Amino acid sequence: EGFWKHLPMAGLVGAMMVAEMAGLLWRTTRGA
């Protein structure tokens, strides 16, 4: 029932989590 109503906020939170994980991975490995 409320799936599409919460999709923009869920997408924003998911994109933030992906950006955080990518930043941590880049900082840890420095591109190696």
PDB file of all heavy atoms in Angstrom:
ATOM      1  N   GLU A   1       0.799  -1.220   0.000  1.00  0.00           N
ATOM      2  CA  GLU A   1       0.000   0.000   0.000  1.00  0.00           C
ATOM      3  C   GLU A   1       0.838   1.279   0.000  1.00  0.00           C
ATOM      4  O   GLU A   1       0.595   2.197  -0.758  1.00  0.00           O
ATOM      5  CB  GLU A   1      -0.924  -0.013   1.212  1.00  0.00           C
ATOM      6  CG  GLU A   1      -2.084   0.926   1.122  1.00  0.00           C
ATOM      7  CD  GLU A   1      -3.054   0.648   2.233  1.00  0.00           C
ATOM      8  OE1 GLU A   1      -3.942  -0.187   2.043  1.00  0.00           O
ATOM      9  OE2 GLU A   1      -2.906   1.263   3.298  1.00  0.00           O
ATOM     10  N   GLY A   2       1.866   1.381   0.835  1.00  0.00           N
ATOM     11  CA  GLY A   2       2.635   2.616   0.922  1.00  0.00           C
ATOM     12  C   GLY A   2       4.002   2.545   0.274  1.00  0.00           C
ATOM     13  O   GLY A   2       4.869   3.348   0.601  1.00  0.00           O
ATOM     14  N   PHE A   3       4.195   1.606  -0.649  1.00  0.00           N
ATOM     15  CA  PHE A   3       5.521   1.404  -1.221  1.00  0.00           C
ATOM     16  C   PHE A   3       5.975   2.602  -2.048  1.00  0.00           C
ATOM     17  O   PHE A   3       7.052   3.136  -1.851  1.00  0.00           O
ATOM     18  CB  PHE A   3       5.526   0.128  -2.072  1.00  0.00           C
ATOM     19  CG  PHE A   3       6.848  -0.168  -2.708  1.00  0.00           C
ATOM     20  CD1 PHE A   3       7.874  -0.705  -1.965  1.00  0.00           C
ATOM     21  CD2 PHE A   3       7.069   0.105  -4.047  1.00  0.00           C
ATOM     22  CE1 PHE A   3       9.105  -0.979  -2.540  1.00  0.00           C
ATOM     23  CE2 PHE A   3       8.287  -0.165  -4.633  1.00  0.00           C
ATOM     24  CZ  PHE A   3       9.306  -0.704  -3.874  1.00  0.00           C
ATOM     25  N   TRP A   4       5.149   3.046  -2.984  1.00  0.00           N
ATOM     26  CA  TRP A   4       5.568   4.119  -3.895  1.00  0.00           C
ATOM     27  C   TRP A   4       5.641   5.463  -3.197  1.00  0.00           C
ATOM     28  O   TRP A   4       6.360   6.352  -3.637  1.00  0.00           O
ATOM     29  CB  TRP A   4       4.630   4.186  -5.093  1.00  0.00           C
ATOM     30  CG  TRP A   4       4.705   2.945  -5.916  1.00  0.00           C
ATOM     31  CD1 TRP A   4       3.761   1.981  -6.032  1.00  0.00           C
ATOM     32  CD2 TRP A   4       5.804   2.514  -6.724  1.00  0.00           C
ATOM     33  NE1 TRP A   4       4.196   0.981  -6.853  1.00  0.00           N
ATOM     34  CE2 TRP A   4       5.448   1.285  -7.293  1.00  0.00           C
ATOM     35  CE3 TRP A   4       7.054   3.052  -7.014  1.00  0.00           C
ATOM     36  CZ2 TRP A   4       6.284   0.587  -8.137  1.00  0.00           C
ATOM     37  CZ3 TRP A   4       7.889   2.353  -7.860  1.00  0.00           C
ATOM     38  CH2 TRP A   4       7.511   1.138  -8.412  1.00  0.00           C
ATOM     39  N   LYS A   5       4.913   5.614  -2.103  1.00  0.00           N
ATOM     40  CA  LYS A   5       4.940   6.876  -1.373  1.00  0.00           C
ATOM     41  C   LYS A   5       6.304   7.105  -0.716  1.00  0.00           C
ATOM     42  O   LYS A   5       6.781   8.224  -0.623  1.00  0.00           O
ATOM     43  CB  LYS A   5       3.825   6.865  -0.310  1.00  0.00           C
ATOM     44  CG  LYS A   5       3.734   8.124   0.503  1.00  0.00           C
ATOM     45  CD  LYS A   5       2.536   8.085   1.435  1.00  0.00           C
ATOM     46  CE  LYS A   5       2.786   7.076   2.528  1.00  0.00           C
ATOM     47  NZ  LYS A   5       1.768   7.063   3.557  1.00  0.00           N
ATOM     48  N   HIS A   6       6.929   6.023  -0.267  1.00  0.00           N
ATOM     49  CA  HIS A   6       8.211   6.123   0.434  1.00  0.00           C
ATOM     50  C   HIS A   6       9.418   5.891  -0.477  1.00  0.00           C
ATOM     51  O   HIS A   6      10.555   5.910  -0.001  1.00  0.00           O
ATOM     52  CB  HIS A   6       8.256   5.122   1.591  1.00  0.00           C
ATOM     53  CG  HIS A   6       7.183   5.334   2.599  1.00  0.00           C
ATOM     54  ND1 HIS A   6       7.142   6.436   3.404  1.00  0.00           N
ATOM     55  CD2 HIS A   6       6.108   4.585   2.933  1.00  0.00           C
ATOM     56  CE1 HIS A   6       6.098   6.368   4.207  1.00  0.00           C
ATOM     57  NE2 HIS A   6       5.445   5.250   3.920  1.00  0.00           N
ATOM     58  N   LEU A   7       9.194   5.676  -1.762  1.00  0.00           N
ATOM     59  CA  LEU A   7      10.291   5.366  -2.674  1.00  0.00           C
ATOM     60  C   LEU A   7      11.310   6.504  -2.819  1.00  0.00           C
ATOM     61  O   LEU A   7      12.514   6.228  -2.813  1.00  0.00           O
ATOM     62  CB  LEU A   7       9.744   4.952  -4.040  1.00  0.00           C
ATOM     63  CG  LEU A   7      10.780   4.456  -5.036  1.00  0.00           C
ATOM     64  CD1 LEU A   7      11.443   3.194  -4.517  1.00  0.00           C
ATOM     65  CD2 LEU A   7      10.146   4.205  -6.384  1.00  0.00           C
ATOM     66  N   PRO A   8      10.909   7.777  -2.928  1.00  0.00           N
ATOM     67  CA  PRO A   8      11.944   8.824  -3.057  1.00  0.00           C
ATOM     68  C   PRO A   8      12.865   8.909  -1.834  1.00  0.00           C
ATOM     69  O   PRO A   8      14.089   9.023  -1.996  1.00  0.00           O
ATOM     70  CB  PRO A   8      11.129  10.118  -3.226  1.00  0.00           C
ATOM     71  CG  PRO A   8       9.806   9.683  -3.728  1.00  0.00           C
ATOM     72  CD  PRO A   8       9.566   8.339  -3.144  1.00  0.00           C
ATOM     73  N   MET A   9      12.305   8.829  -0.639  1.00  0.00           N
ATOM     74  CA  MET A   9      13.143   8.882   0.568  1.00  0.00           C
ATOM     75  C   MET A   9      14.035   7.646   0.662  1.00  0.00           C
ATOM     76  O   MET A   9      15.208   7.752   1.020  1.00  0.00           O
ATOM     77  CB  MET A   9      12.269   8.998   1.813  1.00  0.00           C
ATOM     78  CG  MET A   9      13.057   9.068   3.094  1.00  0.00           C
ATOM     79  SD  MET A   9      14.166  10.473   3.182  1.00  0.00           S
ATOM     80  CE  MET A   9      13.045  11.741   3.649  1.00  0.00           C
ATOM     81  N   ALA A  10      13.488   6.483   0.323  1.00  0.00           N
ATOM     82  CA  ALA A  10      14.296   5.260   0.349  1.00  0.00           C
ATOM     83  C   ALA A  10      15.422   5.329  -0.678  1.00  0.00           C
ATOM     84  O   ALA A  10      16.550   4.905  -0.408  1.00  0.00           O
ATOM     85  CB  ALA A  10      13.411   4.047   0.092  1.00  0.00           C
ATOM     86  N   GLY A  11      15.141   5.878  -1.857  1.00  0.00           N
ATOM     87  CA  GLY A  11      16.191   6.041  -2.859  1.00  0.00           C
ATOM     88  C   GLY A  11      17.278   6.999  -2.410  1.00  0.00           C
ATOM     89  O   GLY A  11      18.468   6.761  -2.652  1.00  0.00           O
ATOM     90  N   LEU A  12      16.883   8.080  -1.750  1.00  0.00           N
ATOM     91  CA  LEU A  12      17.863   9.036  -1.240  1.00  0.00           C
ATOM     92  C   LEU A  12      18.747   8.398  -0.169  1.00  0.00           C
ATOM     93  O   LEU A  12      19.983   8.534  -0.202  1.00  0.00           O
ATOM     94  CB  LEU A  12      17.149  10.264  -0.673  1.00  0.00           C
ATOM     95  CG  LEU A  12      18.040  11.342  -0.073  1.00  0.00           C
ATOM     96  CD1 LEU A  12      18.879  11.996  -1.162  1.00  0.00           C
ATOM     97  CD2 LEU A  12      17.208  12.373   0.658  1.00  0.00           C
ATOM     98  N   VAL A  13      18.140   7.666   0.757  1.00  0.00           N
ATOM     99  CA  VAL A  13      18.923   7.002   1.810  1.00  0.00           C
ATOM    100  C   VAL A  13      19.835   5.934   1.205  1.00  0.00           C
ATOM    101  O   VAL A  13      20.999   5.800   1.589  1.00  0.00           O
ATOM    102  CB  VAL A  13      17.981   6.401   2.883  1.00  0.00           C
ATOM    103  CG1 VAL A  13      18.739   5.506   3.841  1.00  0.00           C
ATOM    104  CG2 VAL A  13      17.263   7.508   3.644  1.00  0.00           C
ATOM    105  N   GLY A  14      19.333   5.193   0.225  1.00  0.00           N
ATOM    106  CA  GLY A  14      20.157   4.185  -0.436  1.00  0.00           C
ATOM    107  C   GLY A  14      21.336   4.800  -1.179  1.00  0.00           C
ATOM    108  O   GLY A  14      22.457   4.287  -1.134  1.00  0.00           O
ATOM    109  N   ALA A  15      21.096   5.929  -1.859  1.00  0.00           N
ATOM    110  CA  ALA A  15      22.193   6.605  -2.568  1.00  0.00           C
ATOM    111  C   ALA A  15      23.228   7.138  -1.591  1.00  0.00           C
ATOM    112  O   ALA A  15      24.439   7.071  -1.858  1.00  0.00           O
ATOM    113  CB  ALA A  15      21.630   7.731  -3.426  1.00  0.00           C
ATOM    114  N   MET A  16      22.783   7.653  -0.446  1.00  0.00           N
ATOM    115  CA  MET A  16      23.731   8.129   0.568  1.00  0.00           C
ATOM    116  C   MET A  16      24.574   6.983   1.117  1.00  0.00           C
ATOM    117  O   MET A  16      25.784   7.138   1.330  1.00  0.00           O
ATOM    118  CB  MET A  16      22.983   8.836   1.700  1.00  0.00           C
ATOM    119  CG  MET A  16      22.481  10.207   1.308  1.00  0.00           C
ATOM    120  SD  MET A  16      21.416  11.026   2.518  1.00  0.00           S
ATOM    121  CE  MET A  16      22.120  10.626   4.064  1.00  0.00           C
ATOM    122  N   MET A  17      23.949   5.830   1.333  1.00  0.00           N
ATOM    123  CA  MET A  17      24.703   4.679   1.836  1.00  0.00           C
ATOM    124  C   MET A  17      25.724   4.194   0.814  1.00  0.00           C
ATOM    125  O   MET A  17      26.857   3.851   1.171  1.00  0.00           O
ATOM    126  CB  MET A  17      23.742   3.541   2.217  1.00  0.00           C
ATOM    127  CG  MET A  17      22.943   3.829   3.463  1.00  0.00           C
ATOM    128  SD  MET A  17      21.731   2.558   3.830  1.00  0.00           S
ATOM    129  CE  MET A  17      22.748   1.147   4.098  1.00  0.00           C
ATOM    130  N   VAL A  18      25.344   4.168  -0.456  1.00  0.00           N
ATOM    131  CA  VAL A  18      26.285   3.760  -1.501  1.00  0.00           C
ATOM    132  C   VAL A  18      27.447   4.746  -1.582  1.00  0.00           C
ATOM    133  O   VAL A  18      28.615   4.345  -1.718  1.00  0.00           O
ATOM    134  CB  VAL A  18      25.550   3.630  -2.855  1.00  0.00           C
ATOM    135  CG1 VAL A  18      26.526   3.529  -4.008  1.00  0.00           C
ATOM    136  CG2 VAL A  18      24.635   2.427  -2.840  1.00  0.00           C
ATOM    137  N   ALA A  19      27.152   6.058  -1.478  1.00  0.00           N
ATOM    138  CA  ALA A  19      28.218   7.059  -1.523  1.00  0.00           C
ATOM    139  C   ALA A  19      29.159   6.918  -0.326  1.00  0.00           C
ATOM    140  O   ALA A  19      30.377   7.040  -0.469  1.00  0.00           O
ATOM    141  CB  ALA A  19      27.606   8.462  -1.559  1.00  0.00           C
ATOM    142  N   GLU A  20      28.596   6.650   0.854  1.00  0.00           N
ATOM    143  CA  GLU A  20      29.441   6.442   2.038  1.00  0.00           C
ATOM    144  C   GLU A  20      30.339   5.227   1.879  1.00  0.00           C
ATOM    145  O   GLU A  20      31.531   5.277   2.197  1.00  0.00           O
ATOM    146  CB  GLU A  20      28.573   6.264   3.286  1.00  0.00           C
ATOM    147  CG  GLU A  20      28.073   7.529   3.891  1.00  0.00           C
ATOM    148  CD  GLU A  20      27.331   7.274   5.181  1.00  0.00           C
ATOM    149  OE1 GLU A  20      27.791   6.420   5.972  1.00  0.00           O
ATOM    150  OE2 GLU A  20      26.305   7.920   5.394  1.00  0.00           O
ATOM    151  N   MET A  21      29.771   4.120   1.414  1.00  0.00           N
ATOM    152  CA  MET A  21      30.579   2.912   1.243  1.00  0.00           C
ATOM    153  C   MET A  21      31.662   3.112   0.189  1.00  0.00           C
ATOM    154  O   MET A  21      32.795   2.659   0.370  1.00  0.00           O
ATOM    155  CB  MET A  21      29.678   1.732   0.877  1.00  0.00           C
ATOM    156  CG  MET A  21      28.869   1.222   2.050  1.00  0.00           C
ATOM    157  SD  MET A  21      28.008  -0.299   1.697  1.00  0.00           S
ATOM    158  CE  MET A  21      26.562   0.320   0.893  1.00  0.00           C
ATOM    159  N   ALA A  22      31.320   3.797  -0.902  1.00  0.00           N
ATOM    160  CA  ALA A  22      32.322   4.055  -1.938  1.00  0.00           C
ATOM    161  C   ALA A  22      33.419   4.970  -1.413  1.00  0.00           C
ATOM    162  O   ALA A  22      34.603   4.756  -1.695  1.00  0.00           O
ATOM    163  CB  ALA A  22      31.655   4.663  -3.166  1.00  0.00           C
ATOM    164  N   GLY A  23      33.041   5.982  -0.625  1.00  0.00           N
ATOM    165  CA  GLY A  23      34.048   6.873  -0.041  1.00  0.00           C
ATOM    166  C   GLY A  23      34.964   6.157   0.929  1.00  0.00           C
ATOM    167  O   GLY A  23      36.183   6.371   0.927  1.00  0.00           O
ATOM    168  N   LEU A  24      34.392   5.297   1.770  1.00  0.00           N
ATOM    169  CA  LEU A  24      35.221   4.526   2.708  1.00  0.00           C
ATOM    170  C   LEU A  24      36.150   3.570   1.969  1.00  0.00           C
ATOM    171  O   LEU A  24      37.313   3.417   2.331  1.00  0.00           O
ATOM    172  CB  LEU A  24      34.336   3.753   3.681  1.00  0.00           C
ATOM    173  CG  LEU A  24      33.691   4.565   4.782  1.00  0.00           C
ATOM    174  CD1 LEU A  24      32.706   3.716   5.571  1.00  0.00           C
ATOM    175  CD2 LEU A  24      34.750   5.120   5.716  1.00  0.00           C
ATOM    176  N   LEU A  25      35.612   2.939   0.933  1.00  0.00           N
ATOM    177  CA  LEU A  25      36.437   2.015   0.157  1.00  0.00           C
ATOM    178  C   LEU A  25      37.567   2.757  -0.546  1.00  0.00           C
ATOM    179  O   LEU A  25      38.707   2.296  -0.563  1.00  0.00           O
ATOM    180  CB  LEU A  25      35.562   1.271  -0.849  1.00  0.00           C
ATOM    181  CG  LEU A  25      36.197   0.134  -1.614  1.00  0.00           C
ATOM    182  CD1 LEU A  25      36.635  -0.956  -0.659  1.00  0.00           C
ATOM    183  CD2 LEU A  25      35.239  -0.409  -2.634  1.00  0.00           C
ATOM    184  N   TRP A  26      37.276   3.921  -1.106  1.00  0.00           N
ATOM    185  CA  TRP A  26      38.311   4.701  -1.780  1.00  0.00           C
ATOM    186  C   TRP A  26      39.351   5.202  -0.790  1.00  0.00           C
ATOM    187  O   TRP A  26      40.539   5.186  -1.073  1.00  0.00           O
ATOM    188  CB  TRP A  26      37.674   5.869  -2.517  1.00  0.00           C
ATOM    189  CG  TRP A  26      38.686   6.716  -3.213  1.00  0.00           C
ATOM    190  CD1 TRP A  26      39.164   7.918  -2.811  1.00  0.00           C
ATOM    191  CD2 TRP A  26      39.388   6.385  -4.407  1.00  0.00           C
ATOM    192  NE1 TRP A  26      40.106   8.374  -3.683  1.00  0.00           N
ATOM    193  CE2 TRP A  26      40.264   7.447  -4.683  1.00  0.00           C
ATOM    194  CE3 TRP A  26      39.352   5.306  -5.264  1.00  0.00           C
ATOM    195  CZ2 TRP A  26      41.092   7.451  -5.788  1.00  0.00           C
ATOM    196  CZ3 TRP A  26      40.178   5.323  -6.365  1.00  0.00           C
ATOM    197  CH2 TRP A  26      41.038   6.378  -6.620  1.00  0.00           C
ATOM    198  N   ARG A  27      38.898   5.661   0.406  1.00  0.00           N
ATOM    199  CA  ARG A  27      39.840   6.172   1.399  1.00  0.00           C
ATOM    200  C   ARG A  27      40.730   5.058   1.941  1.00  0.00           C
ATOM    201  O   ARG A  27      41.908   5.261   2.204  1.00  0.00           O
ATOM    202  CB  ARG A  27      39.066   6.816   2.550  1.00  0.00           C
ATOM    203  CG  ARG A  27      39.940   7.662   3.438  1.00  0.00           C
ATOM    204  CD  ARG A  27      39.154   8.257   4.561  1.00  0.00           C
ATOM    205  NE  ARG A  27      39.555   7.536   5.754  1.00  0.00           N
ATOM    206  CZ  ARG A  27      38.807   7.334   6.805  1.00  0.00           C
ATOM    207  NH1 ARG A  27      37.597   7.765   6.835  1.00  0.00           N
ATOM    208  NH2 ARG A  27      39.254   6.683   7.832  1.00  0.00           N
ATOM    209  N   THR A  28      40.172   3.885   2.081  1.00  0.00           N
ATOM    210  CA  THR A  28      40.939   2.766   2.625  1.00  0.00           C
ATOM    211  C   THR A  28      41.970   2.267   1.628  1.00  0.00           C
ATOM    212  O   THR A  28      43.118   2.001   1.986  1.00  0.00           O
ATOM    213  CB  THR A  28      40.000   1.616   3.016  1.00  0.00           C
ATOM    214  OG1 THR A  28      39.034   2.121   3.930  1.00  0.00           O
ATOM    215  CG2 THR A  28      40.753   0.490   3.677  1.00  0.00           C
ATOM    216  N   THR A  29      41.582   2.146   0.383  1.00  0.00           N
ATOM    217  CA  THR A  29      42.481   1.534  -0.595  1.00  0.00           C
ATOM    218  C   THR A  29      43.278   2.559  -1.385  1.00  0.00           C
ATOM    219  O   THR A  29      44.279   2.209  -1.995  1.00  0.00           O
ATOM    220  CB  THR A  29      41.683   0.676  -1.583  1.00  0.00           C
ATOM    221  OG1 THR A  29      40.733   1.520  -2.258  1.00  0.00           O
ATOM    222  CG2 THR A  29      40.966  -0.446  -0.876  1.00  0.00           C
ATOM    223  N   ARG A  30      42.845   3.812  -1.427  1.00  0.00           N
ATOM    224  CA  ARG A  30      43.490   4.887  -2.198  1.00  0.00           C
ATOM    225  C   ARG A  30      43.648   4.501  -3.664  1.00  0.00           C
ATOM    226  O   ARG A  30      44.669   4.760  -4.296  1.00  0.00           O
ATOM    227  CB  ARG A  30      44.859   5.260  -1.619  1.00  0.00           C
ATOM    228  CG  ARG A  30      44.822   5.751  -0.232  1.00  0.00           C
ATOM    229  CD  ARG A  30      44.435   7.206  -0.234  1.00  0.00           C
ATOM    230  NE  ARG A  30      44.594   7.705   1.139  1.00  0.00           N
ATOM    231  CZ  ARG A  30      43.787   8.565   1.674  1.00  0.00           C
ATOM    232  NH1 ARG A  30      42.798   9.048   1.009  1.00  0.00           N
ATOM    233  NH2 ARG A  30      43.982   8.975   2.902  1.00  0.00           N
ATOM    234  N   GLY A  31      42.624   3.825  -4.162  1.00  0.00           N
ATOM    235  CA  GLY A  31      42.648   3.450  -5.568  1.00  0.00           C
ATOM    236  C   GLY A  31      43.421   2.187  -5.862  1.00  0.00           C
ATOM    237  O   GLY A  31      43.459   1.756  -6.998  1.00  0.00           O
ATOM    238  N   ALA A  32      44.051   1.590  -4.870  1.00  0.00           N
ATOM    239  CA  ALA A  32      44.810   0.356  -5.101  1.00  0.00           C
ATOM    240  C   ALA A  32      43.834  -0.813  -5.262  1.00  0.00           C
ATOM    241  O   ALA A  32      42.755  -0.815  -4.684  1.00  0.00           O
ATOM    242  CB  ALA A  32      45.747   0.094  -3.926  1.00  0.00           C
TER     243      ALA A  32
END
